[in-house]
PDB file of N, CA and C in Angstrom:
ATOM      1  N   MET A   1       5.339   7.424  -3.945  1.00  0.00           N
ATOM      2  CA  MET A   1       5.204   6.801  -2.635  1.00  0.00           C
ATOM      3  C   MET A   1       6.607   6.490  -2.109  1.00  0.00           C
ATOM      4  N   ASP A   2       6.842   6.855  -0.852  1.00  0.00           N
ATOM      5  CA  ASP A   2       8.168   6.594  -0.292  1.00  0.00           C
ATOM      6  C   ASP A   2       8.311   5.117   0.089  1.00  0.00           C
ATOM      7  N   LYS A   3       9.556   4.725   0.344  1.00  0.00           N
ATOM      8  CA  LYS A   3       9.866   3.315   0.607  1.00  0.00           C
ATOM      9  C   LYS A   3       9.155   2.791   1.857  1.00  0.00           C
ATOM     10  N   LYS A   4       9.095   3.608   2.899  1.00  0.00           N
ATOM     11  CA  LYS A   4       8.443   3.188   4.145  1.00  0.00           C
ATOM     12  C   LYS A   4       6.953   2.917   3.911  1.00  0.00           C
ATOM     13  N   THR A   5       6.291   3.780   3.161  1.00  0.00           N
ATOM     14  CA  THR A   5       4.872   3.602   2.860  1.00  0.00           C
ATOM     15  C   THR A   5       4.664   2.356   2.007  1.00  0.00           C
ATOM     16  N   GLU A   6       5.527   2.165   1.035  1.00  0.00           N
ATOM     17  CA  GLU A   6       5.431   0.989   0.164  1.00  0.00           C
ATOM     18  C   GLU A   6       5.599  -0.300   0.980  1.00  0.00           C
ATOM     19  N   GLU A   7       6.545  -0.307   1.902  1.00  0.00           N
ATOM     20  CA  GLU A   7       6.751  -1.479   2.758  1.00  0.00           C
ATOM     21  C   GLU A   7       5.528  -1.735   3.625  1.00  0.00           C
ATOM     22  N   PHE A   8       4.904  -0.665   4.141  1.00  0.00           N
ATOM     23  CA  PHE A   8       3.694  -0.812   4.943  1.00  0.00           C
ATOM     24  C   PHE A   8       2.590  -1.499   4.132  1.00  0.00           C
ATOM     25  N   TYR A   9       2.358  -1.026   2.915  1.00  0.00           N
ATOM     26  CA  TYR A   9       1.309  -1.608   2.079  1.00  0.00           C
ATOM     27  C   TYR A   9       1.632  -3.052   1.694  1.00  0.00           C
ATOM     28  N   ASN A  10       2.890  -3.368   1.487  1.00  0.00           N
ATOM     29  CA  ASN A  10       3.270  -4.752   1.185  1.00  0.00           C
ATOM     30  C   ASN A  10       2.981  -5.663   2.375  1.00  0.00           C
ATOM     31  N   ARG A  11       3.293  -5.183   3.591  1.00  0.00           N
ATOM     32  CA  ARG A  11       2.989  -5.974   4.799  1.00  0.00           C
ATOM     33  C   ARG A  11       1.479  -6.136   4.978  1.00  0.00           C
ATOM     34  N   LEU A  12       0.733  -5.066   4.702  1.00  0.00           N
ATOM     35  CA  LEU A  12      -0.723  -5.129   4.823  1.00  0.00           C
ATOM     36  C   LEU A  12      -1.287  -6.156   3.850  1.00  0.00           C
ATOM     37  N   ARG A  13      -0.838  -6.130   2.591  1.00  0.00           N
ATOM     38  CA  ARG A  13      -1.304  -7.118   1.596  1.00  0.00           C
ATOM     39  C   ARG A  13      -1.050  -8.539   2.087  1.00  0.00           C
ATOM     40  N   GLU A  14       0.166  -8.768   2.577  1.00  0.00           N
ATOM     41  CA  GLU A  14       0.546 -10.091   3.047  1.00  0.00           C
ATOM     42  C   GLU A  14      -0.326 -10.523   4.226  1.00  0.00           C
ATOM     43  N   GLU A  15      -0.516  -9.623   5.176  1.00  0.00           N
ATOM     44  CA  GLU A  15      -1.345  -9.921   6.359  1.00  0.00           C
ATOM     45  C   GLU A  15      -2.788 -10.229   5.953  1.00  0.00           C
ATOM     46  N   LEU A  16      -3.333  -9.443   5.044  1.00  0.00           N
ATOM     47  CA  LEU A  16      -4.705  -9.670   4.589  1.00  0.00           C
ATOM     48  C   LEU A  16      -4.830 -11.001   3.849  1.00  0.00           C
ATOM     49  N   ASN A  17      -3.828 -11.350   3.072  1.00  0.00           N
ATOM     50  CA  ASN A  17      -3.831 -12.637   2.373  1.00  0.00           C
ATOM     51  C   ASN A  17      -3.835 -13.800   3.349  1.00  0.00           C
ATOM     52  N   ASN A  18      -3.092 -13.637   4.455  1.00  0.00           N
ATOM     53  CA  ASN A  18      -2.934 -14.726   5.422  1.00  0.00           C
ATOM     54  C   ASN A  18      -4.077 -14.841   6.418  1.00  0.00           C
ATOM     55  N   THR A  19      -4.838 -13.761   6.617  1.00  0.00           N
ATOM     56  CA  THR A  19      -5.838 -13.778   7.689  1.00  0.00           C
ATOM     57  C   THR A  19      -7.276 -13.682   7.219  1.00  0.00           C
ATOM     58  N   SER A  20      -7.487 -13.462   5.929  1.00  0.00           N
ATOM     59  CA  SER A  20      -8.857 -13.252   5.450  1.00  0.00           C
ATOM     60  C   SER A  20      -9.130 -14.079   4.211  1.00  0.00           C
ATOM     61  N   THR A  21     -10.418 -14.301   3.962  1.00  0.00           N
ATOM     62  CA  THR A  21     -10.862 -14.977   2.750  1.00  0.00           C
ATOM     63  C   THR A  21     -11.394 -13.921   1.804  1.00  0.00           C
ATOM     64  N   TRP A  22     -11.024 -14.017   0.532  1.00  0.00           N
ATOM     65  CA  TRP A  22     -11.417 -13.008  -0.457  1.00  0.00           C
ATOM     66  C   TRP A  22     -12.252 -13.611  -1.549  1.00  0.00           C
ATOM     67  N   PRO A  23     -13.264 -12.872  -2.040  1.00  0.00           N
ATOM     68  CA  PRO A  23     -13.705 -11.563  -1.569  1.00  0.00           C
ATOM     69  C   PRO A  23     -14.251 -11.643  -0.137  1.00  0.00           C
ATOM     70  N   GLY A  24     -14.168 -10.503   0.549  1.00  0.00           N
ATOM     71  CA  GLY A  24     -14.609 -10.463   1.931  1.00  0.00           C
ATOM     72  C   GLY A  24     -14.850  -9.036   2.400  1.00  0.00           C
ATOM     73  N   GLU A  25     -15.502  -8.927   3.568  1.00  0.00           N
ATOM     74  CA  GLU A  25     -15.775  -7.609   4.144  1.00  0.00           C
ATOM     75  C   GLU A  25     -14.505  -7.041   4.748  1.00  0.00           C
ATOM     76  N   TYR A  26     -14.361  -5.725   4.599  1.00  0.00           N
ATOM     77  CA  TYR A  26     -13.221  -5.029   5.190  1.00  0.00           C
ATOM     78  C   TYR A  26     -13.729  -3.756   5.836  1.00  0.00           C
ATOM     79  N   LEU A  27     -13.185  -3.435   7.010  1.00  0.00           N
ATOM     80  CA  LEU A  27     -13.566  -2.227   7.737  1.00  0.00           C
ATOM     81  C   LEU A  27     -12.429  -1.215   7.676  1.00  0.00           C
ATOM     82  N   TYR A  28     -12.684  -0.107   6.992  1.00  0.00           N
ATOM     83  CA  TYR A  28     -11.738   1.004   6.942  1.00  0.00           C
ATOM     84  C   TYR A  28     -12.095   1.963   8.065  1.00  0.00           C
ATOM     85  N   LYS A  29     -11.071   2.553   8.679  1.00  0.00           N
ATOM     86  CA  LYS A  29     -11.305   3.585   9.696  1.00  0.00           C
ATOM     87  C   LYS A  29     -10.367   4.749   9.406  1.00  0.00           C
ATOM     88  N   PHE A  30     -10.955   5.927   9.345  1.00  0.00           N
ATOM     89  CA  PHE A  30     -10.190   7.134   9.070  1.00  0.00           C
ATOM     90  C   PHE A  30     -10.572   8.214  10.074  1.00  0.00           C
ATOM     91  N   ILE A  31      -9.646   9.113  10.330  1.00  0.00           N
ATOM     92  CA  ILE A  31      -9.934  10.324  11.087  1.00  0.00           C
ATOM     93  C   ILE A  31      -9.538  11.481  10.190  1.00  0.00           C
ATOM     94  N   ILE A  32     -10.456  12.446  10.067  1.00  0.00           N
ATOM     95  CA  ILE A  32     -10.185  13.610   9.232  1.00  0.00           C
ATOM     96  C   ILE A  32     -10.638  14.864   9.970  1.00  0.00           C
ATOM     97  N   PRO A  33     -10.015  16.000   9.636  1.00  0.00           N
ATOM     98  CA  PRO A  33     -10.515  17.250  10.206  1.00  0.00           C
ATOM     99  C   PRO A  33     -11.979  17.430   9.806  1.00  0.00           C
ATOM    100  N   THR A  34     -12.806  17.899  10.719  1.00  0.00           N
ATOM    101  CA  THR A  34     -14.224  18.075  10.426  1.00  0.00           C
ATOM    102  C   THR A  34     -14.382  19.180   9.388  1.00  0.00           C
ATOM    103  N   ASP A  35     -14.675  18.747   8.186  1.00  0.00           N
ATOM    104  CA  ASP A  35     -14.873  19.635   7.045  1.00  0.00           C
ATOM    105  C   ASP A  35     -15.796  18.883   6.091  1.00  0.00           C
ATOM    106  N   PRO A  36     -16.994  19.401   5.857  1.00  0.00           N
ATOM    107  CA  PRO A  36     -17.952  18.682   5.003  1.00  0.00           C
ATOM    108  C   PRO A  36     -17.370  18.267   3.647  1.00  0.00           C
ATOM    109  N   LYS A  37     -16.498  19.067   3.068  1.00  0.00           N
ATOM    110  CA  LYS A  37     -15.908  18.720   1.766  1.00  0.00           C
ATOM    111  C   LYS A  37     -14.984  17.513   1.882  1.00  0.00           C
ATOM    112  N   LYS A  38     -14.208  17.453   2.956  1.00  0.00           N
ATOM    113  CA  LYS A  38     -13.289  16.321   3.142  1.00  0.00           C
ATOM    114  C   LYS A  38     -14.062  15.035   3.445  1.00  0.00           C
ATOM    115  N   ILE A  39     -15.107  15.154   4.244  1.00  0.00           N
ATOM    116  CA  ILE A  39     -15.950  13.991   4.535  1.00  0.00           C
ATOM    117  C   ILE A  39     -16.584  13.489   3.245  1.00  0.00           C
ATOM    118  N   GLU A  40     -17.063  14.403   2.437  1.00  0.00           N
ATOM    119  CA  GLU A  40     -17.662  14.032   1.156  1.00  0.00           C
ATOM    120  C   GLU A  40     -16.641  13.360   0.240  1.00  0.00           C
ATOM    121  N   GLU A  41     -15.407  13.827   0.246  1.00  0.00           N
ATOM    122  CA  GLU A  41     -14.357  13.201  -0.571  1.00  0.00           C
ATOM    123  C   GLU A  41     -14.157  11.739  -0.177  1.00  0.00           C
ATOM    124  N   VAL A  42     -14.114  11.478   1.132  1.00  0.00           N
ATOM    125  CA  VAL A  42     -13.952  10.103   1.605  1.00  0.00           C
ATOM    126  C   VAL A  42     -15.158   9.265   1.185  1.00  0.00           C
ATOM    127  N   GLU A  43     -16.352   9.794   1.418  1.00  0.00           N
ATOM    128  CA  GLU A  43     -17.564   9.060   1.056  1.00  0.00           C
ATOM    129  C   GLU A  43     -17.616   8.788  -0.445  1.00  0.00           C
ATOM    130  N   ASN A  44     -17.220   9.756  -1.258  1.00  0.00           N
ATOM    131  CA  ASN A  44     -17.240   9.580  -2.710  1.00  0.00           C
ATOM    132  C   ASN A  44     -16.280   8.493  -3.177  1.00  0.00           C
ATOM    133  N   ALA A  45     -15.179   8.319  -2.467  1.00  0.00           N
ATOM    134  CA  ALA A  45     -14.215   7.277  -2.829  1.00  0.00           C
ATOM    135  C   ALA A  45     -14.825   5.883  -2.709  1.00  0.00           C
ATOM    136  N   PHE A  46     -15.850   5.756  -1.869  1.00  0.00           N
ATOM    137  CA  PHE A  46     -16.491   4.459  -1.646  1.00  0.00           C
ATOM    138  C   PHE A  46     -17.908   4.415  -2.212  1.00  0.00           C
ATOM    139  N   ASP A  47     -18.260   5.397  -3.005  1.00  0.00           N
ATOM    140  CA  ASP A  47     -19.595   5.491  -3.593  1.00  0.00           C
ATOM    141  C   ASP A  47     -19.802   4.379  -4.624  1.00  0.00           C
ATOM    142  N   ASN A  48     -21.005   3.874  -4.685  1.00  0.00           N
ATOM    143  CA  ASN A  48     -21.416   2.880  -5.687  1.00  0.00           C
ATOM    144  C   ASN A  48     -20.718   1.527  -5.564  1.00  0.00           C
ATOM    145  N   ILE A  49     -20.196   1.203  -4.380  1.00  0.00           N
ATOM    146  CA  ILE A  49     -19.634  -0.146  -4.208  1.00  0.00           C
ATOM    147  C   ILE A  49     -20.255  -0.849  -2.998  1.00  0.00           C
ATOM    148  N   GLY A  50     -21.408  -0.349  -2.556  1.00  0.00           N
ATOM    149  CA  GLY A  50     -22.150  -1.001  -1.479  1.00  0.00           C
ATOM    150  C   GLY A  50     -21.580  -0.769  -0.089  1.00  0.00           C
ATOM    151  N   ALA A  51     -20.873   0.314   0.100  1.00  0.00           N
ATOM    152  CA  ALA A  51     -20.254   0.598   1.393  1.00  0.00           C
ATOM    153  C   ALA A  51     -21.276   1.112   2.399  1.00  0.00           C
ATOM    154  N   VAL A  52     -21.103   0.683   3.650  1.00  0.00           N
ATOM    155  CA  VAL A  52     -21.881   1.214   4.761  1.00  0.00           C
ATOM    156  C   VAL A  52     -20.953   2.176   5.496  1.00  0.00           C
ATOM    157  N   ILE A  53     -21.330   3.447   5.502  1.00  0.00           N
ATOM    158  CA  ILE A  53     -20.462   4.492   6.045  1.00  0.00           C
ATOM    159  C   ILE A  53     -21.085   5.103   7.288  1.00  0.00           C
ATOM    160  N   GLN A  54     -20.267   5.206   8.349  1.00  0.00           N
ATOM    161  CA  GLN A  54     -20.720   5.807   9.603  1.00  0.00           C
ATOM    162  C   GLN A  54     -19.717   6.885  10.004  1.00  0.00           C
ATOM    163  N   THR A  55     -20.231   8.068  10.351  1.00  0.00           N
ATOM    164  CA  THR A  55     -19.354   9.152  10.796  1.00  0.00           C
ATOM    165  C   THR A  55     -19.685   9.531  12.233  1.00  0.00           C
ATOM    166  N   THR A  56     -18.649   9.882  12.992  1.00  0.00           N
ATOM    167  CA  THR A  56     -18.809  10.310  14.373  1.00  0.00           C
ATOM    168  C   THR A  56     -17.881  11.486  14.610  1.00  0.00           C
ATOM    169  N   GLN A  57     -18.442  12.579  15.080  1.00  0.00           N
ATOM    170  CA  GLN A  57     -17.632  13.769  15.348  1.00  0.00           C
ATOM    171  C   GLN A  57     -17.008  13.674  16.736  1.00  0.00           C
ATOM    172  N   SER A  58     -15.784  14.181  16.878  1.00  0.00           N
ATOM    173  CA  SER A  58     -15.111  14.183  18.179  1.00  0.00           C
ATOM    174  C   SER A  58     -15.848  15.120  19.141  1.00  0.00           C
ATOM    175  N   LYS A  59     -15.543  14.997  20.424  1.00  0.00           N
ATOM    176  CA  LYS A  59     -16.203  15.827  21.437  1.00  0.00           C
ATOM    177  C   LYS A  59     -16.007  17.308  21.159  1.00  0.00           C
ATOM    178  N   THR A  60     -14.814  17.670  20.706  1.00  0.00           N
ATOM    179  CA  THR A  60     -14.528  19.083  20.442  1.00  0.00           C
ATOM    180  C   THR A  60     -15.033  19.535  19.075  1.00  0.00           C
ATOM    181  N   GLY A  61     -15.381  18.566  18.215  1.00  0.00           N
ATOM    182  CA  GLY A  61     -15.874  18.904  16.885  1.00  0.00           C
ATOM    183  C   GLY A  61     -14.776  19.177  15.873  1.00  0.00           C
ATOM    184  N   LYS A  62     -13.513  19.056  16.290  1.00  0.00           N
ATOM    185  CA  LYS A  62     -12.401  19.332  15.379  1.00  0.00           C
ATOM    186  C   LYS A  62     -12.187  18.212  14.368  1.00  0.00           C
ATOM    187  N   TYR A  63     -12.491  16.983  14.781  1.00  0.00           N
ATOM    188  CA  TYR A  63     -12.228  15.821  13.921  1.00  0.00           C
ATOM    189  C   TYR A  63     -13.479  14.968  13.762  1.00  0.00           C
ATOM    190  N   THR A  64     -13.496  14.224  12.668  1.00  0.00           N
ATOM    191  CA  THR A  64     -14.578  13.285  12.415  1.00  0.00           C
ATOM    192  C   THR A  64     -13.981  11.920  12.119  1.00  0.00           C
ATOM    193  N   SER A  65     -14.522  10.909  12.774  1.00  0.00           N
ATOM    194  CA  SER A  65     -14.146   9.522  12.523  1.00  0.00           C
ATOM    195  C   SER A  65     -15.074   8.985  11.431  1.00  0.00           C
ATOM    196  N   VAL A  66     -14.495   8.333  10.437  1.00  0.00           N
ATOM    197  CA  VAL A  66     -15.284   7.750   9.358  1.00  0.00           C
ATOM    198  C   VAL A  66     -14.976   6.258   9.317  1.00  0.00           C
ATOM    199  N   SER A  67     -15.996   5.434   9.552  1.00  0.00           N
ATOM    200  CA  SER A  67     -15.869   3.979   9.479  1.00  0.00           C
ATOM    201  C   SER A  67     -16.621   3.508   8.245  1.00  0.00           C
ATOM    202  N   ILE A  68     -15.958   2.673   7.458  1.00  0.00           N
ATOM    203  CA  ILE A  68     -16.542   2.222   6.201  1.00  0.00           C
ATOM    204  C   ILE A  68     -16.427   0.709   6.134  1.00  0.00           C
ATOM    205  N   ASN A  69     -17.565   0.041   6.097  1.00  0.00           N
ATOM    206  CA  ASN A  69     -17.612  -1.406   5.981  1.00  0.00           C
ATOM    207  C   ASN A  69     -18.029  -1.730   4.555  1.00  0.00           C
ATOM    208  N   VAL A  70     -17.186  -2.484   3.848  1.00  0.00           N
ATOM    209  CA  VAL A  70     -17.449  -2.724   2.429  1.00  0.00           C
ATOM    210  C   VAL A  70     -16.880  -4.080   2.007  1.00  0.00           C
ATOM    211  N   MET A  71     -17.532  -4.710   1.039  1.00  0.00           N
ATOM    212  CA  MET A  71     -17.064  -5.971   0.474  1.00  0.00           C
ATOM    213  C   MET A  71     -15.968  -5.640  -0.543  1.00  0.00           C
ATOM    214  N   MET A  72     -14.786  -6.229  -0.345  1.00  0.00           N
ATOM    215  CA  MET A  72     -13.665  -5.992  -1.244  1.00  0.00           C
ATOM    216  C   MET A  72     -13.261  -7.306  -1.907  1.00  0.00           C
ATOM    217  N   ASP A  73     -12.710  -7.193  -3.129  1.00  0.00           N
ATOM    218  CA  ASP A  73     -12.360  -8.377  -3.914  1.00  0.00           C
ATOM    219  C   ASP A  73     -11.075  -9.052  -3.469  1.00  0.00           C
ATOM    220  N   SER A  74     -10.101  -8.250  -3.018  1.00  0.00           N
ATOM    221  CA  SER A  74      -8.771  -8.795  -2.733  1.00  0.00           C
ATOM    222  C   SER A  74      -7.991  -7.831  -1.850  1.00  0.00           C
ATOM    223  N   PRO A  75      -6.878  -8.310  -1.289  1.00  0.00           N
ATOM    224  CA  PRO A  75      -6.013  -7.398  -0.542  1.00  0.00           C
ATOM    225  C   PRO A  75      -5.531  -6.230  -1.409  1.00  0.00           C
ATOM    226  N   GLU A  76      -5.298  -6.481  -2.669  1.00  0.00           N
ATOM    227  CA  GLU A  76      -4.853  -5.416  -3.575  1.00  0.00           C
ATOM    228  C   GLU A  76      -5.913  -4.323  -3.690  1.00  0.00           C
ATOM    229  N   SER A  77      -7.183  -4.699  -3.766  1.00  0.00           N
ATOM    230  CA  SER A  77      -8.244  -3.694  -3.866  1.00  0.00           C
ATOM    231  C   SER A  77      -8.355  -2.883  -2.569  1.00  0.00           C
ATOM    232  N   VAL A  78      -8.076  -3.512  -1.426  1.00  0.00           N
ATOM    233  CA  VAL A  78      -8.077  -2.807  -0.141  1.00  0.00           C
ATOM    234  C   VAL A  78      -6.982  -1.738  -0.148  1.00  0.00           C
ATOM    235  N   VAL A  79      -5.790  -2.134  -0.556  1.00  0.00           N
ATOM    236  CA  VAL A  79      -4.646  -1.213  -0.593  1.00  0.00           C
ATOM    237  C   VAL A  79      -4.900  -0.084  -1.591  1.00  0.00           C
ATOM    238  N   GLU A  80      -5.481  -0.394  -2.737  1.00  0.00           N
ATOM    239  CA  GLU A  80      -5.770   0.639  -3.737  1.00  0.00           C
ATOM    240  C   GLU A  80      -6.670   1.734  -3.168  1.00  0.00           C
ATOM    241  N   LYS A  81      -7.668   1.359  -2.361  1.00  0.00           N
ATOM    242  CA  LYS A  81      -8.546   2.362  -1.740  1.00  0.00           C
ATOM    243  C   LYS A  81      -7.787   3.214  -0.733  1.00  0.00           C
ATOM    244  N   TYR A  82      -6.906   2.577   0.062  1.00  0.00           N
ATOM    245  CA  TYR A  82      -6.093   3.351   1.000  1.00  0.00           C
ATOM    246  C   TYR A  82      -5.256   4.389   0.250  1.00  0.00           C
ATOM    247  N   ILE A  83      -4.659   3.977  -0.846  1.00  0.00           N
ATOM    248  CA  ILE A  83      -3.832   4.891  -1.634  1.00  0.00           C
ATOM    249  C   ILE A  83      -4.688   6.005  -2.221  1.00  0.00           C
ATOM    250  N   GLU A  84      -5.870   5.654  -2.698  1.00  0.00           N
ATOM    251  CA  GLU A  84      -6.777   6.651  -3.292  1.00  0.00           C
ATOM    252  C   GLU A  84      -7.141   7.745  -2.281  1.00  0.00           C
ATOM    253  N   VAL A  85      -7.516   7.356  -1.067  1.00  0.00           N
ATOM    254  CA  VAL A  85      -7.940   8.364  -0.087  1.00  0.00           C
ATOM    255  C   VAL A  85      -6.769   9.052   0.604  1.00  0.00           C
ATOM    256  N   SER A  86      -5.569   8.514   0.469  1.00  0.00           N
ATOM    257  CA  SER A  86      -4.406   9.127   1.123  1.00  0.00           C
ATOM    258  C   SER A  86      -4.110  10.523   0.572  1.00  0.00           C
ATOM    259  N   ASN A  87      -4.692  10.863  -0.569  1.00  0.00           N
ATOM    260  CA  ASN A  87      -4.499  12.188  -1.162  1.00  0.00           C
ATOM    261  C   ASN A  87      -5.375  13.258  -0.518  1.00  0.00           C
ATOM    262  N   ILE A  88      -6.303  12.851   0.345  1.00  0.00           N
ATOM    263  CA  ILE A  88      -7.183  13.813   1.012  1.00  0.00           C
ATOM    264  C   ILE A  88      -6.391  14.461   2.149  1.00  0.00           C
ATOM    265  N   GLU A  89      -6.321  15.780   2.124  1.00  0.00           N
ATOM    266  CA  GLU A  89      -5.510  16.507   3.084  1.00  0.00           C
ATOM    267  C   GLU A  89      -5.982  16.263   4.521  1.00  0.00           C
ATOM    268  N   GLY A  90      -5.044  15.888   5.384  1.00  0.00           N
ATOM    269  CA  GLY A  90      -5.330  15.733   6.803  1.00  0.00           C
ATOM    270  C   GLY A  90      -5.879  14.385   7.206  1.00  0.00           C
ATOM    271  N   ILE A  91      -6.054  13.446   6.264  1.00  0.00           N
ATOM    272  CA  ILE A  91      -6.644  12.146   6.602  1.00  0.00           C
ATOM    273  C   ILE A  91      -5.623  11.277   7.324  1.00  0.00           C
ATOM    274  N   ILE A  92      -6.116  10.545   8.322  1.00  0.00           N
ATOM    275  CA  ILE A  92      -5.310   9.592   9.065  1.00  0.00           C
ATOM    276  C   ILE A  92      -6.000   8.243   8.963  1.00  0.00           C
ATOM    277  N   SER A  93      -5.267   7.228   8.539  1.00  0.00           N
ATOM    278  CA  SER A  93      -5.818   5.870   8.441  1.00  0.00           C
ATOM    279  C   SER A  93      -5.496   5.110   9.722  1.00  0.00           C
ATOM    280  N   LEU A  94      -6.488   4.396  10.226  1.00  0.00           N
ATOM    281  CA  LEU A  94      -6.281   3.597  11.451  1.00  0.00           C
ATOM    282  C   LEU A  94      -6.299   2.129  11.128  1.00  0.00           C
TER     283      LEU A  94
END
């Protein structure tokens, strides 16, 4: 992980610590190229942890928005999931 990415995650942890109560609900939002395998990869990352997942395809069908609402234990667990899905090609975190 490069220094800029590491600094981003450190700021995110700090912000989550200061603004939320843990454990608590967290809403992840991702945009990925519309590809059933990539969508499945994102969904699998949140499988078996009680996540509510909603997908919406763009007007052109090129991209899919994936919103995931899930109960997380801590800011660290939130960041760990971001890092886990960051390996999926073409994913953008919002």
